Amino acid sequence: MKVKRIVTNLAADKVEAARAFYEGVLGLDALMDMGWIVTFGAEERMQVQISVMSEGGSGTPVPDISVEVDDLDEALRRCKSGGFAVEYGPTDEPWGVRRFYVRDPLGRLVNIVMHL
């Protein structure tokens, strides 16, 4: 057997609340919208990965989701202009990434990260 895809499912009373962040800020496309479920994604090849963590690194809490971007400064600008408060960073971490934490409209802690 081979794992082909891993999907993150986030419970939300109002799925539309996530659109401003995942589509507006991160630039993902709404690939499917059935009212009760909106699937955001990109036509990119991505690695299949699950991280099991006892902490978020550098003494931070474990984030609910990590999103790798190619331009951290642009992601930071979009988060701030969208009214999403940064809870950690941005900072260069000793393991070779630059990142910051932000909460999405659902209250999930999102690690926005770029490899250096």
N, C-alpha and C. Protein backbone atom coordinates (compact mmCIF):
# COMPACT_ATOMS: atom_id res chain seq x y z
N MET A 1 0.83 -1.18 0.00
CA MET A 1 0.00 0.00 0.00
C MET A 1 0.88 1.24 0.00
N LYS A 2 0.39 2.29 -0.66
CA LYS A 2 1.10 3.56 -0.75
C LYS A 2 0.14 4.69 -0.38
N VAL A 3 0.56 5.57 0.53
CA VAL A 3 -0.25 6.73 0.86
C VAL A 3 -0.13 7.72 -0.29
N LYS A 4 -1.26 8.17 -0.81
CA LYS A 4 -1.27 9.08 -1.96
C LYS A 4 -1.48 10.53 -1.57
N ARG A 5 -2.20 10.75 -0.47
CA ARG A 5 -2.50 12.12 -0.09
C ARG A 5 -2.89 12.15 1.38
N ILE A 6 -2.59 13.25 2.04
CA ILE A 6 -3.04 13.49 3.40
C ILE A 6 -3.80 14.81 3.39
N VAL A 7 -4.97 14.81 3.97
CA VAL A 7 -5.83 15.99 3.99
C VAL A 7 -6.02 16.44 5.43
N THR A 8 -5.88 17.72 5.68
CA THR A 8 -6.16 18.29 6.98
C THR A 8 -7.62 18.71 7.01
N ASN A 9 -8.38 18.21 7.98
CA ASN A 9 -9.78 18.57 8.15
C ASN A 9 -9.93 19.40 9.41
N LEU A 10 -10.45 20.62 9.27
CA LEU A 10 -10.61 21.52 10.40
C LEU A 10 -12.09 21.74 10.66
N ALA A 11 -12.55 21.44 11.87
CA ALA A 11 -13.96 21.67 12.22
C ALA A 11 -14.21 23.17 12.34
N ALA A 12 -15.33 23.62 11.80
CA ALA A 12 -15.68 25.05 11.85
C ALA A 12 -17.19 25.20 11.80
N ASP A 13 -17.72 26.09 12.62
CA ASP A 13 -19.16 26.39 12.57
C ASP A 13 -19.51 27.10 11.27
N LYS A 14 -18.63 27.98 10.83
CA LYS A 14 -18.86 28.74 9.60
C LYS A 14 -17.64 28.55 8.70
N VAL A 15 -17.76 27.66 7.72
CA VAL A 15 -16.62 27.36 6.86
C VAL A 15 -16.17 28.58 6.06
N GLU A 16 -17.08 29.51 5.79
CA GLU A 16 -16.72 30.70 5.02
C GLU A 16 -15.72 31.59 5.76
N ALA A 17 -15.66 31.49 7.08
CA ALA A 17 -14.73 32.31 7.86
C ALA A 17 -13.28 32.03 7.47
N ALA A 18 -13.01 30.83 7.01
CA ALA A 18 -11.66 30.45 6.64
C ALA A 18 -11.21 31.03 5.30
N ARG A 19 -12.17 31.43 4.46
CA ARG A 19 -11.85 31.90 3.11
C ARG A 19 -10.91 33.11 3.11
N ALA A 20 -11.14 34.07 4.00
CA ALA A 20 -10.30 35.28 4.04
C ALA A 20 -8.84 34.94 4.30
N PHE A 21 -8.60 33.92 5.09
CA PHE A 21 -7.22 33.55 5.42
C PHE A 21 -6.61 32.62 4.38
N TYR A 22 -7.24 31.48 4.14
CA TYR A 22 -6.64 30.46 3.28
C TYR A 22 -6.66 30.83 1.81
N GLU A 23 -7.68 31.54 1.38
CA GLU A 23 -7.75 31.98 -0.01
C GLU A 23 -7.17 33.39 -0.14
N GLY A 24 -7.64 34.32 0.69
CA GLY A 24 -7.23 35.71 0.57
C GLY A 24 -5.80 35.97 0.96
N VAL A 25 -5.36 35.43 2.09
CA VAL A 25 -4.00 35.69 2.57
C VAL A 25 -2.99 34.73 1.97
N LEU A 26 -3.25 33.43 2.05
CA LEU A 26 -2.27 32.45 1.57
C LEU A 26 -2.36 32.20 0.07
N GLY A 27 -3.42 32.65 -0.57
CA GLY A 27 -3.52 32.52 -2.02
C GLY A 27 -3.89 31.14 -2.52
N LEU A 28 -4.46 30.31 -1.65
CA LEU A 28 -4.92 28.99 -2.10
C LEU A 28 -6.21 29.15 -2.89
N ASP A 29 -6.49 28.19 -3.73
CA ASP A 29 -7.72 28.18 -4.52
C ASP A 29 -8.79 27.38 -3.79
N ALA A 30 -10.04 27.77 -3.94
CA ALA A 30 -11.15 26.95 -3.45
C ALA A 30 -11.37 25.87 -4.50
N LEU A 31 -10.86 24.68 -4.24
CA LEU A 31 -10.93 23.58 -5.21
C LEU A 31 -12.30 22.91 -5.21
N MET A 32 -12.98 22.96 -4.07
CA MET A 32 -14.30 22.38 -3.95
C MET A 32 -15.06 23.18 -2.91
N ASP A 33 -16.33 23.48 -3.18
CA ASP A 33 -17.16 24.21 -2.23
C ASP A 33 -18.57 23.63 -2.28
N MET A 34 -18.92 22.87 -1.25
CA MET A 34 -20.24 22.26 -1.18
C MET A 34 -21.07 22.88 -0.07
N GLY A 35 -20.66 24.05 0.43
CA GLY A 35 -21.38 24.71 1.51
C GLY A 35 -20.93 24.25 2.88
N TRP A 36 -21.01 22.95 3.14
CA TRP A 36 -20.60 22.41 4.43
C TRP A 36 -19.11 22.08 4.47
N ILE A 37 -18.48 22.05 3.30
CA ILE A 37 -17.04 21.81 3.20
C ILE A 37 -16.50 22.68 2.08
N VAL A 38 -15.41 23.37 2.38
CA VAL A 38 -14.66 24.10 1.36
C VAL A 38 -13.24 23.55 1.42
N THR A 39 -12.76 23.08 0.30
CA THR A 39 -11.40 22.55 0.22
C THR A 39 -10.52 23.56 -0.48
N PHE A 40 -9.51 24.05 0.24
CA PHE A 40 -8.55 24.99 -0.33
C PHE A 40 -7.31 24.22 -0.71
N GLY A 41 -6.71 24.58 -1.84
CA GLY A 41 -5.51 23.88 -2.27
C GLY A 41 -4.79 24.62 -3.37
N ALA A 42 -3.77 23.97 -3.89
CA ALA A 42 -2.97 24.51 -4.97
C ALA A 42 -2.58 23.36 -5.88
N GLU A 43 -2.38 23.67 -7.12
CA GLU A 43 -1.96 22.65 -8.09
C GLU A 43 -0.44 22.50 -8.03
N GLU A 44 0.05 22.15 -6.86
CA GLU A 44 1.47 21.93 -6.62
C GLU A 44 1.67 20.49 -6.19
N ARG A 45 2.80 19.94 -6.51
CA ARG A 45 3.15 18.63 -5.97
C ARG A 45 3.73 18.85 -4.60
N MET A 46 3.16 18.19 -3.63
CA MET A 46 3.59 18.36 -2.25
C MET A 46 3.96 17.03 -1.65
N GLN A 47 4.86 17.08 -0.69
CA GLN A 47 5.26 15.87 0.01
C GLN A 47 4.15 15.40 0.93
N VAL A 48 4.04 14.10 1.09
CA VAL A 48 3.15 13.52 2.09
C VAL A 48 3.92 13.52 3.40
N GLN A 49 3.36 14.15 4.42
CA GLN A 49 4.12 14.32 5.65
C GLN A 49 3.18 14.49 6.83
N ILE A 50 3.48 13.85 7.94
CA ILE A 50 2.83 14.07 9.22
C ILE A 50 3.93 14.29 10.23
N SER A 51 3.87 15.40 10.95
CA SER A 51 4.86 15.68 11.99
C SER A 51 4.22 15.45 13.36
N VAL A 52 4.91 14.71 14.22
CA VAL A 52 4.48 14.46 15.59
C VAL A 52 5.44 15.23 16.48
N MET A 53 4.90 16.15 17.29
CA MET A 53 5.75 17.11 18.00
C MET A 53 5.43 17.16 19.49
N SER A 54 6.44 17.31 20.32
CA SER A 54 6.24 17.54 21.75
C SER A 54 6.27 19.03 22.06
N GLU A 55 6.77 19.84 21.13
CA GLU A 55 6.77 21.30 21.22
C GLU A 55 6.93 21.84 19.81
N GLY A 56 6.74 23.13 19.65
CA GLY A 56 6.84 23.74 18.32
C GLY A 56 8.24 24.16 17.93
N GLY A 57 9.23 23.92 18.80
CA GLY A 57 10.60 24.36 18.55
C GLY A 57 10.81 25.75 19.14
N SER A 58 11.99 25.99 19.65
CA SER A 58 12.34 27.27 20.29
C SER A 58 11.38 27.62 21.43
N GLY A 59 10.83 26.58 22.08
CA GLY A 59 9.96 26.79 23.22
C GLY A 59 8.56 27.24 22.88
N THR A 60 8.16 27.12 21.62
CA THR A 60 6.83 27.57 21.19
C THR A 60 5.83 26.42 21.31
N PRO A 61 4.53 26.76 21.33
CA PRO A 61 3.52 25.70 21.32
C PRO A 61 3.50 24.98 19.97
N VAL A 62 2.97 23.77 19.98
CA VAL A 62 2.86 23.00 18.74
C VAL A 62 1.79 23.65 17.85
N PRO A 63 2.17 24.03 16.62
CA PRO A 63 1.17 24.61 15.72
C PRO A 63 0.24 23.52 15.20
N ASP A 64 -0.98 23.93 14.85
CA ASP A 64 -1.95 22.98 14.29
C ASP A 64 -1.60 22.63 12.84
N ILE A 65 -1.08 23.61 12.11
CA ILE A 65 -0.77 23.44 10.69
C ILE A 65 0.52 24.17 10.40
N SER A 66 1.34 23.62 9.52
CA SER A 66 2.51 24.32 8.99
C SER A 66 2.31 24.51 7.50
N VAL A 67 2.54 25.74 7.03
CA VAL A 67 2.39 26.07 5.62
C VAL A 67 3.72 26.63 5.13
N GLU A 68 4.35 25.94 4.19
CA GLU A 68 5.60 26.43 3.62
C GLU A 68 5.28 27.37 2.46
N VAL A 69 5.94 28.52 2.45
CA VAL A 69 5.76 29.52 1.39
C VAL A 69 7.12 29.82 0.75
N ASP A 70 7.07 30.46 -0.43
CA ASP A 70 8.31 30.83 -1.10
C ASP A 70 8.74 32.26 -0.80
N ASP A 71 7.87 33.04 -0.14
CA ASP A 71 8.17 34.44 0.18
C ASP A 71 7.55 34.77 1.53
N LEU A 72 8.32 34.60 2.59
CA LEU A 72 7.81 34.81 3.93
C LEU A 72 7.43 36.27 4.17
N ASP A 73 8.19 37.20 3.64
CA ASP A 73 7.89 38.61 3.84
C ASP A 73 6.53 38.97 3.22
N GLU A 74 6.22 38.41 2.06
CA GLU A 74 4.93 38.66 1.43
C GLU A 74 3.80 38.03 2.25
N ALA A 75 4.02 36.83 2.76
CA ALA A 75 3.02 36.18 3.61
C ALA A 75 2.77 37.00 4.87
N LEU A 76 3.82 37.54 5.45
CA LEU A 76 3.71 38.38 6.64
C LEU A 76 2.93 39.65 6.32
N ARG A 77 3.23 40.27 5.19
CA ARG A 77 2.52 41.48 4.78
C ARG A 77 1.03 41.20 4.60
N ARG A 78 0.71 40.08 3.94
CA ARG A 78 -0.69 39.73 3.71
C ARG A 78 -1.43 39.44 5.02
N CYS A 79 -0.75 38.76 5.94
CA CYS A 79 -1.39 38.48 7.24
C CYS A 79 -1.70 39.78 7.97
N LYS A 80 -0.72 40.67 8.02
CA LYS A 80 -0.93 41.94 8.72
C LYS A 80 -2.00 42.79 8.05
N SER A 81 -1.98 42.86 6.73
CA SER A 81 -2.99 43.67 6.03
C SER A 81 -4.37 43.04 6.13
N GLY A 82 -4.44 41.73 6.35
CA GLY A 82 -5.72 41.05 6.54
C GLY A 82 -6.22 41.11 7.97
N GLY A 83 -5.42 41.71 8.86
CA GLY A 83 -5.83 41.85 10.25
C GLY A 83 -5.54 40.64 11.11
N PHE A 84 -4.67 39.75 10.66
CA PHE A 84 -4.32 38.56 11.42
C PHE A 84 -3.06 38.84 12.23
N ALA A 85 -3.17 38.74 13.56
CA ALA A 85 -2.07 39.09 14.46
C ALA A 85 -1.02 37.98 14.48
N VAL A 86 0.23 38.38 14.38
CA VAL A 86 1.35 37.46 14.48
C VAL A 86 1.60 37.16 15.95
N GLU A 87 1.68 35.87 16.30
CA GLU A 87 1.88 35.47 17.69
C GLU A 87 3.31 35.10 18.01
N TYR A 88 4.12 34.87 16.99
CA TYR A 88 5.53 34.52 17.19
C TYR A 88 6.28 34.88 15.93
N GLY A 89 7.46 35.48 16.11
CA GLY A 89 8.31 35.79 14.97
C GLY A 89 7.90 37.07 14.27
N PRO A 90 8.39 37.25 13.06
CA PRO A 90 9.20 36.30 12.29
C PRO A 90 10.62 36.18 12.86
N THR A 91 11.16 34.99 12.72
CA THR A 91 12.49 34.71 13.25
C THR A 91 13.18 33.64 12.42
N ASP A 92 14.49 33.72 12.40
CA ASP A 92 15.32 32.68 11.78
C ASP A 92 15.61 31.64 12.85
N GLU A 93 15.26 30.40 12.56
CA GLU A 93 15.46 29.32 13.53
C GLU A 93 16.79 28.60 13.25
N PRO A 94 17.39 28.00 14.29
CA PRO A 94 18.69 27.36 14.11
C PRO A 94 18.68 26.14 13.19
N TRP A 95 17.50 25.60 12.86
CA TRP A 95 17.43 24.44 11.97
C TRP A 95 17.20 24.84 10.51
N GLY A 96 17.40 26.14 10.20
CA GLY A 96 17.44 26.57 8.79
C GLY A 96 16.13 27.02 8.18
N VAL A 97 15.21 27.50 9.01
CA VAL A 97 13.97 28.06 8.48
C VAL A 97 13.75 29.46 9.05
N ARG A 98 12.98 30.25 8.34
CA ARG A 98 12.48 31.53 8.84
C ARG A 98 10.98 31.34 8.93
N ARG A 99 10.37 31.78 10.05
CA ARG A 99 8.95 31.49 10.24
C ARG A 99 8.29 32.48 11.18
N PHE A 100 6.94 32.41 11.16
CA PHE A 100 6.13 33.11 12.15
C PHE A 100 4.86 32.31 12.37
N TYR A 101 4.23 32.57 13.51
CA TYR A 101 2.96 31.94 13.86
C TYR A 101 1.85 32.99 13.76
N VAL A 102 0.71 32.55 13.26
CA VAL A 102 -0.48 33.40 13.18
C VAL A 102 -1.69 32.50 13.44
N ARG A 103 -2.77 33.08 13.96
CA ARG A 103 -4.01 32.32 14.16
C ARG A 103 -4.93 32.56 12.98
N ASP A 104 -5.50 31.49 12.45
CA ASP A 104 -6.49 31.63 11.38
C ASP A 104 -7.83 32.02 12.00
N PRO A 105 -8.84 32.32 11.20
CA PRO A 105 -10.13 32.74 11.76
C PRO A 105 -10.84 31.66 12.58
N LEU A 106 -10.38 30.43 12.48
CA LEU A 106 -10.97 29.32 13.23
C LEU A 106 -10.27 29.12 14.57
N GLY A 107 -9.22 29.93 14.83
CA GLY A 107 -8.48 29.81 16.08
C GLY A 107 -7.32 28.85 16.03
N ARG A 108 -7.04 28.30 14.86
CA ARG A 108 -5.93 27.35 14.71
C ARG A 108 -4.61 28.10 14.62
N LEU A 109 -3.58 27.58 15.29
CA LEU A 109 -2.25 28.17 15.24
C LEU A 109 -1.54 27.67 13.97
N VAL A 110 -1.18 28.60 13.10
CA VAL A 110 -0.58 28.25 11.80
C VAL A 110 0.87 28.72 11.79
N ASN A 111 1.75 27.80 11.49
CA ASN A 111 3.18 28.06 11.35
C ASN A 111 3.44 28.37 9.88
N ILE A 112 3.75 29.61 9.57
CA ILE A 112 4.10 29.99 8.20
C ILE A 112 5.61 29.95 8.12
N VAL A 113 6.15 29.14 7.21
CA VAL A 113 7.58 28.83 7.23
C VAL A 113 8.18 28.90 5.82
N MET A 114 9.45 29.30 5.77
CA MET A 114 10.21 29.30 4.52
C MET A 114 11.59 28.74 4.84
N HIS A 115 12.05 27.80 4.04
CA HIS A 115 13.40 27.26 4.22
C HIS A 115 14.42 28.28 3.72
N LEU A 116 15.48 28.45 4.49
CA LEU A 116 16.53 29.40 4.12
C LEU A 116 17.52 28.78 3.16
